[in-house]
PDB file of N, CA and C in Angstrom:
ATOM      1  N   TRP A   1      47.676 143.400  72.496  1.00  0.00           N
ATOM      2  CA  TRP A   1      48.499 143.736  73.631  1.00  0.00           C
ATOM      3  C   TRP A   1      49.832 143.070  73.437  1.00  0.00           C
ATOM      4  N   LEU A   2      50.911 143.808  73.588  1.00  0.00           N
ATOM      5  CA  LEU A   2      52.268 143.302  73.394  1.00  0.00           C
ATOM      6  C   LEU A   2      52.999 143.316  74.731  1.00  0.00           C
ATOM      7  N   SER A   3      53.638 142.209  75.063  1.00  0.00           N
ATOM      8  CA  SER A   3      54.348 142.116  76.344  1.00  0.00           C
ATOM      9  C   SER A   3      55.601 142.981  76.337  1.00  0.00           C
ATOM     10  N   ARG A   4      56.065 143.359  77.511  1.00  0.00           N
ATOM     11  CA  ARG A   4      57.287 144.162  77.620  1.00  0.00           C
ATOM     12  C   ARG A   4      58.500 143.427  77.068  1.00  0.00           C
ATOM     13  N   SER A   5      58.519 142.116  77.227  1.00  0.00           N
ATOM     14  CA  SER A   5      59.657 141.321  76.744  1.00  0.00           C
ATOM     15  C   SER A   5      59.656 141.157  75.230  1.00  0.00           C
ATOM     16  N   LEU A   6      58.546 141.476  74.599  1.00  0.00           N
ATOM     17  CA  LEU A   6      58.352 141.277  73.159  1.00  0.00           C
ATOM     18  C   LEU A   6      58.428 139.804  72.771  1.00  0.00           C
ATOM     19  N   GLN A   7      58.224 138.905  73.723  1.00  0.00           N
ATOM     20  CA  GLN A   7      58.266 137.472  73.466  1.00  0.00           C
ATOM     21  C   GLN A   7      56.887 136.902  73.162  1.00  0.00           C
ATOM     22  N   TRP A   8      55.834 137.667  73.445  1.00  0.00           N
ATOM     23  CA  TRP A   8      54.488 137.182  73.165  1.00  0.00           C
ATOM     24  C   TRP A   8      53.535 138.364  73.043  1.00  0.00           C
ATOM     25  N   ALA A   9      52.386 138.116  72.436  1.00  0.00           N
ATOM     26  CA  ALA A   9      51.364 139.147  72.254  1.00  0.00           C
ATOM     27  C   ALA A   9      49.994 138.494  72.244  1.00  0.00           C
ATOM     28  N   ILE A  10      48.975 139.285  72.532  1.00  0.00           N
ATOM     29  CA  ILE A  10      47.598 138.792  72.510  1.00  0.00           C
ATOM     30  C   ILE A  10      46.793 139.681  71.569  1.00  0.00           C
ATOM     31  N   TRP A  11      46.057 139.055  70.676  1.00  0.00           N
ATOM     32  CA  TRP A  11      45.101 139.744  69.821  1.00  0.00           C
ATOM     33  C   TRP A  11      43.727 139.211  70.172  1.00  0.00           C
ATOM     34  N   ALA A  12      42.734 140.046  70.192  1.00  0.00           N
ATOM     35  CA  ALA A  12      41.398 139.569  70.539  1.00  0.00           C
ATOM     36  C   ALA A  12      40.358 140.209  69.639  1.00  0.00           C
ATOM     37  N   ASP A  13      39.380 139.427  69.295  1.00  0.00           N
ATOM     38  CA  ASP A  13      38.206 139.894  68.569  1.00  0.00           C
ATOM     39  C   ASP A  13      37.033 139.700  69.516  1.00  0.00           C
ATOM     40  N   THR A  14      36.601 140.767  70.156  1.00  0.00           N
ATOM     41  CA  THR A  14      35.550 140.624  71.165  1.00  0.00           C
ATOM     42  C   THR A  14      34.203 140.281  70.548  1.00  0.00           C
ATOM     43  N   ASP A  15      33.978 140.668  69.306  1.00  0.00           N
ATOM     44  CA  ASP A  15      32.715 140.312  68.651  1.00  0.00           C
ATOM     45  C   ASP A  15      32.584 138.803  68.486  1.00  0.00           C
ATOM     46  N   MET A  16      33.679 138.139  68.168  1.00  0.00           N
ATOM     47  CA  MET A  16      33.658 136.699  67.928  1.00  0.00           C
ATOM     48  C   MET A  16      34.176 135.898  69.121  1.00  0.00           C
ATOM     49  N   GLU A  17      34.574 136.598  70.184  1.00  0.00           N
ATOM     50  CA  GLU A  17      35.087 135.952  71.393  1.00  0.00           C
ATOM     51  C   GLU A  17      36.302 135.068  71.095  1.00  0.00           C
ATOM     52  N   ILE A  18      37.225 135.616  70.316  1.00  0.00           N
ATOM     53  CA  ILE A  18      38.435 134.897  69.934  1.00  0.00           C
ATOM     54  C   ILE A  18      39.631 135.592  70.571  1.00  0.00           C
ATOM     55  N   CYS A  19      40.512 134.818  71.124  1.00  0.00           N
ATOM     56  CA  CYS A  19      41.771 135.325  71.665  1.00  0.00           C
ATOM     57  C   CYS A  19      42.897 134.585  70.956  1.00  0.00           C
ATOM     58  N   ILE A  20      43.804 135.324  70.349  1.00  0.00           N
ATOM     59  CA  ILE A  20      44.937 134.725  69.652  1.00  0.00           C
ATOM     60  C   ILE A  20      46.201 135.148  70.385  1.00  0.00           C
ATOM     61  N   ILE A  21      47.004 134.170  70.783  1.00  0.00           N
ATOM     62  CA  ILE A  21      48.241 134.445  71.499  1.00  0.00           C
ATOM     63  C   ILE A  21      49.408 134.078  70.588  1.00  0.00           C
ATOM     64  N   GLY A  22      50.261 135.040  70.301  1.00  0.00           N
ATOM     65  CA  GLY A  22      51.438 134.796  69.480  1.00  0.00           C
ATOM     66  C   GLY A  22      52.680 134.780  70.347  1.00  0.00           C
ATOM     67  N   MET A  23      53.570 133.809  70.109  1.00  0.00           N
ATOM     68  CA  MET A  23      54.772 133.663  70.926  1.00  0.00           C
ATOM     69  C   MET A  23      55.987 133.332  70.083  1.00  0.00           C
ATOM     70  N   VAL A  24      57.143 133.683  70.601  1.00  0.00           N
ATOM     71  CA  VAL A  24      58.395 133.248  70.011  1.00  0.00           C
ATOM     72  C   VAL A  24      58.540 131.770  70.354  1.00  0.00           C
ATOM     73  N   SER A  25      58.886 130.958  69.377  1.00  0.00           N
ATOM     74  CA  SER A  25      58.982 129.518  69.601  1.00  0.00           C
ATOM     75  C   SER A  25      60.254 129.171  70.370  1.00  0.00           C
ATOM     76  N   LYS A  26      60.078 128.575  71.544  1.00  0.00           N
ATOM     77  CA  LYS A  26      61.184 128.095  72.368  1.00  0.00           C
ATOM     78  C   LYS A  26      60.751 126.794  73.012  1.00  0.00           C
ATOM     79  N   LYS A  27      61.727 126.002  73.428  1.00  0.00           N
ATOM     80  CA  LYS A  27      61.407 124.695  74.007  1.00  0.00           C
ATOM     81  C   LYS A  27      60.489 124.807  75.217  1.00  0.00           C
ATOM     82  N   GLU A  28      60.778 125.688  76.140  1.00  0.00           N
ATOM     83  CA  GLU A  28      59.991 125.831  77.364  1.00  0.00           C
ATOM     84  C   GLU A  28      59.092 127.062  77.304  1.00  0.00           C
ATOM     85  N   CYS A  29      58.532 127.345  76.172  1.00  0.00           N
ATOM     86  CA  CYS A  29      57.714 128.542  76.032  1.00  0.00           C
ATOM     87  C   CYS A  29      56.278 128.302  76.502  1.00  0.00           C
ATOM     88  N   PRO A  30      55.545 129.364  76.761  1.00  0.00           N
ATOM     89  CA  PRO A  30      54.144 129.223  77.179  1.00  0.00           C
ATOM     90  C   PRO A  30      53.286 128.476  76.160  1.00  0.00           C
ATOM     91  N   GLN A  31      53.689 128.497  74.884  1.00  0.00           N
ATOM     92  CA  GLN A  31      52.924 127.796  73.852  1.00  0.00           C
ATOM     93  C   GLN A  31      52.780 126.319  74.190  1.00  0.00           C
ATOM     94  N   ASN A  32      53.854 125.684  74.625  1.00  0.00           N
ATOM     95  CA  ASN A  32      53.792 124.262  74.974  1.00  0.00           C
ATOM     96  C   ASN A  32      52.854 124.024  76.147  1.00  0.00           C
ATOM     97  N   ILE A  33      52.886 124.915  77.125  1.00  0.00           N
ATOM     98  CA  ILE A  33      51.994 124.803  78.280  1.00  0.00           C
ATOM     99  C   ILE A  33      50.543 124.953  77.836  1.00  0.00           C
ATOM    100  N   LEU A  34      50.268 125.924  76.962  1.00  0.00           N
ATOM    101  CA  LEU A  34      48.899 126.131  76.484  1.00  0.00           C
ATOM    102  C   LEU A  34      48.384 124.913  75.731  1.00  0.00           C
ATOM    103  N   LEU A  35      49.224 124.309  74.898  1.00  0.00           N
ATOM    104  CA  LEU A  35      48.805 123.116  74.162  1.00  0.00           C
ATOM    105  C   LEU A  35      48.489 121.975  75.120  1.00  0.00           C
ATOM    106  N   GLU A  36      49.291 121.827  76.174  1.00  0.00           N
ATOM    107  CA  GLU A  36      49.029 120.793  77.177  1.00  0.00           C
ATOM    108  C   GLU A  36      47.731 121.055  77.933  1.00  0.00           C
ATOM    109  N   GLU A  37      47.359 122.336  78.074  1.00  0.00           N
ATOM    110  CA  GLU A  37      46.138 122.716  78.792  1.00  0.00           C
ATOM    111  C   GLU A  37      44.891 122.596  77.916  1.00  0.00           C
ATOM    112  N   GLY A  38      45.062 122.270  76.642  1.00  0.00           N
ATOM    113  CA  GLY A  38      43.910 122.091  75.768  1.00  0.00           C
ATOM    114  C   GLY A  38      43.648 123.227  74.800  1.00  0.00           C
ATOM    115  N   TRP A  39      44.495 124.269  74.799  1.00  0.00           N
ATOM    116  CA  TRP A  39      44.356 125.325  73.805  1.00  0.00           C
ATOM    117  C   TRP A  39      44.687 124.730  72.441  1.00  0.00           C
ATOM    118  N   LYS A  40      44.128 125.298  71.385  1.00  0.00           N
ATOM    119  CA  LYS A  40      44.314 124.777  70.034  1.00  0.00           C
ATOM    120  C   LYS A  40      45.080 125.775  69.173  1.00  0.00           C
ATOM    121  N   PRO A  41      45.906 125.285  68.243  1.00  0.00           N
ATOM    122  CA  PRO A  41      46.560 126.185  67.293  1.00  0.00           C
ATOM    123  C   PRO A  41      45.536 126.753  66.311  1.00  0.00           C
ATOM    124  N   LEU A  42      45.899 127.857  65.663  1.00  0.00           N
ATOM    125  CA  LEU A  42      44.979 128.566  64.785  1.00  0.00           C
ATOM    126  C   LEU A  42      44.453 127.700  63.648  1.00  0.00           C
ATOM    127  N   ASP A  43      45.252 126.766  63.158  1.00  0.00           N
ATOM    128  CA  ASP A  43      44.816 125.945  62.028  1.00  0.00           C
ATOM    129  C   ASP A  43      44.043 124.696  62.462  1.00  0.00           C
ATOM    130  N   HIS A  44      43.681 124.599  63.729  1.00  0.00           N
ATOM    131  CA  HIS A  44      42.938 123.432  64.223  1.00  0.00           C
ATOM    132  C   HIS A  44      41.511 123.453  63.662  1.00  0.00           C
ATOM    133  N   PRO A  45      40.992 122.310  63.196  1.00  0.00           N
ATOM    134  CA  PRO A  45      39.654 122.277  62.589  1.00  0.00           C
ATOM    135  C   PRO A  45      38.530 122.696  63.541  1.00  0.00           C
ATOM    136  N   ASP A  46      38.738 122.578  64.849  1.00  0.00           N
ATOM    137  CA  ASP A  46      37.696 122.998  65.794  1.00  0.00           C
ATOM    138  C   ASP A  46      37.397 124.487  65.682  1.00  0.00           C
ATOM    139  N   LEU A  47      38.419 125.303  65.403  1.00  0.00           N
ATOM    140  CA  LEU A  47      38.201 126.740  65.263  1.00  0.00           C
ATOM    141  C   LEU A  47      37.298 127.027  64.076  1.00  0.00           C
ATOM    142  N   ALA A  48      37.565 126.390  62.955  1.00  0.00           N
ATOM    143  CA  ALA A  48      36.731 126.592  61.768  1.00  0.00           C
ATOM    144  C   ALA A  48      35.297 126.151  62.032  1.00  0.00           C
ATOM    145  N   SER A  49      35.121 125.020  62.675  1.00  0.00           N
ATOM    146  CA  SER A  49      33.771 124.519  62.970  1.00  0.00           C
ATOM    147  C   SER A  49      33.024 125.472  63.886  1.00  0.00           C
ATOM    148  N   TRP A  50      33.702 125.985  64.888  1.00  0.00           N
ATOM    149  CA  TRP A  50      33.075 126.892  65.844  1.00  0.00           C
ATOM    150  C   TRP A  50      32.685 128.207  65.176  1.00  0.00           C
ATOM    151  N   LEU A  51      33.597 128.767  64.356  1.00  0.00           N
ATOM    152  CA  LEU A  51      33.293 130.016  63.662  1.00  0.00           C
ATOM    153  C   LEU A  51      32.148 129.851  62.677  1.00  0.00           C
ATOM    154  N   GLU A  52      32.093 128.706  62.049  1.00  0.00           N
ATOM    155  CA  GLU A  52      31.032 128.447  61.079  1.00  0.00           C
ATOM    156  C   GLU A  52      29.659 128.522  61.743  1.00  0.00           C
ATOM    157  N   LEU A  53      29.572 128.089  62.991  1.00  0.00           N
ATOM    158  CA  LEU A  53      28.310 128.171  63.728  1.00  0.00           C
ATOM    159  C   LEU A  53      27.954 129.609  64.093  1.00  0.00           C
ATOM    160  N   LEU A  54      28.962 130.442  64.340  1.00  0.00           N
ATOM    161  CA  LEU A  54      28.720 131.824  64.749  1.00  0.00           C
ATOM    162  C   LEU A  54      28.317 132.737  63.600  1.00  0.00           C
ATOM    163  N   LEU A  55      28.833 132.462  62.424  1.00  0.00           N
ATOM    164  CA  LEU A  55      28.597 133.358  61.289  1.00  0.00           C
ATOM    165  C   LEU A  55      27.348 132.948  60.523  1.00  0.00           C
ATOM    166  N   LYS A  56      26.693 133.934  59.949  1.00  0.00           N
ATOM    167  CA  LYS A  56      25.366 133.730  59.365  1.00  0.00           C
ATOM    168  C   LYS A  56      25.337 132.856  58.114  1.00  0.00           C
ATOM    169  N   ASP A  57      26.325 132.982  57.272  1.00  0.00           N
ATOM    170  CA  ASP A  57      26.297 132.202  56.035  1.00  0.00           C
ATOM    171  C   ASP A  57      27.708 131.777  55.630  1.00  0.00           C
ATOM    172  N   GLN A  58      27.779 130.896  54.664  1.00  0.00           N
ATOM    173  CA  GLN A  58      29.063 130.323  54.241  1.00  0.00           C
ATOM    174  C   GLN A  58      29.993 131.375  53.650  1.00  0.00           C
ATOM    175  N   LYS A  59      29.443 132.324  52.894  1.00  0.00           N
ATOM    176  CA  LYS A  59      30.281 133.363  52.291  1.00  0.00           C
ATOM    177  C   LYS A  59      30.938 134.212  53.377  1.00  0.00           C
ATOM    178  N   THR A  60      30.167 134.610  54.378  1.00  0.00           N
ATOM    179  CA  THR A  60      30.711 135.393  55.484  1.00  0.00           C
ATOM    180  C   THR A  60      31.784 134.599  56.214  1.00  0.00           C
ATOM    181  N   PHE A  61      31.517 133.327  56.470  1.00  0.00           N
ATOM    182  CA  PHE A  61      32.498 132.471  57.142  1.00  0.00           C
ATOM    183  C   PHE A  61      33.782 132.389  56.330  1.00  0.00           C
ATOM    184  N   ASN A  62      33.662 132.107  55.041  1.00  0.00           N
ATOM    185  CA  ASN A  62      34.852 131.972  54.189  1.00  0.00           C
ATOM    186  C   ASN A  62      35.690 133.247  54.195  1.00  0.00           C
ATOM    187  N   GLU A  63      35.028 134.403  54.072  1.00  0.00           N
ATOM    188  CA  GLU A  63      35.746 135.674  54.061  1.00  0.00           C
ATOM    189  C   GLU A  63      36.431 135.931  55.403  1.00  0.00           C
ATOM    190  N   TYR A  64      35.702 135.719  56.486  1.00  0.00           N
ATOM    191  CA  TYR A  64      36.251 135.982  57.819  1.00  0.00           C
ATOM    192  C   TYR A  64      37.407 135.032  58.130  1.00  0.00           C
ATOM    193  N   PHE A  65      37.215 133.749  57.872  1.00  0.00           N
ATOM    194  CA  PHE A  65      38.239 132.761  58.211  1.00  0.00           C
ATOM    195  C   PHE A  65      39.493 132.949  57.356  1.00  0.00           C
ATOM    196  N   THR A  66      39.317 133.255  56.085  1.00  0.00           N
ATOM    197  CA  THR A  66      40.459 133.523  55.207  1.00  0.00           C
ATOM    198  C   THR A  66      41.252 134.721  55.714  1.00  0.00           C
ATOM    199  N   GLN A  67      40.536 135.783  56.099  1.00  0.00           N
ATOM    200  CA  GLN A  67      41.198 136.981  56.622  1.00  0.00           C
ATOM    201  C   GLN A  67      41.899 136.692  57.945  1.00  0.00           C
ATOM    202  N   LEU A  68      41.265 135.935  58.809  1.00  0.00           N
ATOM    203  CA  LEU A  68      41.851 135.570  60.099  1.00  0.00           C
ATOM    204  C   LEU A  68      43.163 134.816  59.901  1.00  0.00           C
ATOM    205  N   LEU A  69      43.148 133.821  59.027  1.00  0.00           N
ATOM    206  CA  LEU A  69      44.358 133.039  58.772  1.00  0.00           C
ATOM    207  C   LEU A  69      45.453 133.882  58.125  1.00  0.00           C
ATOM    208  N   SER A  70      45.074 134.767  57.205  1.00  0.00           N
ATOM    209  CA  SER A  70      46.100 135.579  56.544  1.00  0.00           C
ATOM    210  C   SER A  70      46.720 136.592  57.510  1.00  0.00           C
ATOM    211  N   ASN A  71      45.954 137.063  58.484  1.00  0.00           N
ATOM    212  CA  ASN A  71      46.479 138.031  59.445  1.00  0.00           C
ATOM    213  C   ASN A  71      47.342 137.394  60.524  1.00  0.00           C
ATOM    214  N   TYR A  72      47.010 136.178  60.955  1.00  0.00           N
ATOM    215  CA  TYR A  72      47.639 135.621  62.145  1.00  0.00           C
ATOM    216  C   TYR A  72      48.428 134.339  61.932  1.00  0.00           C
ATOM    217  N   SER A  73      48.432 133.780  60.734  1.00  0.00           N
ATOM    218  CA  SER A  73      49.192 132.540  60.514  1.00  0.00           C
ATOM    219  C   SER A  73      50.625 132.842  60.152  1.00  0.00           C
TER     220      SER A  73
END
């Protein structure tokens, strides 16, 4: 979903219950508010740990996580 202002967007993977919010970097942007509220950036180790529990095996995890990072980082 892309906002009308084109300043932010939301991507979601409903199978994995992941929501990724992309924003233009600004001093008073929603990104700073989200970080203060406890949201984590995509490269945070908690995301990898959580996905590893959801996926059946290490190969599947590696493929999925690599693809996720390449698409959204």
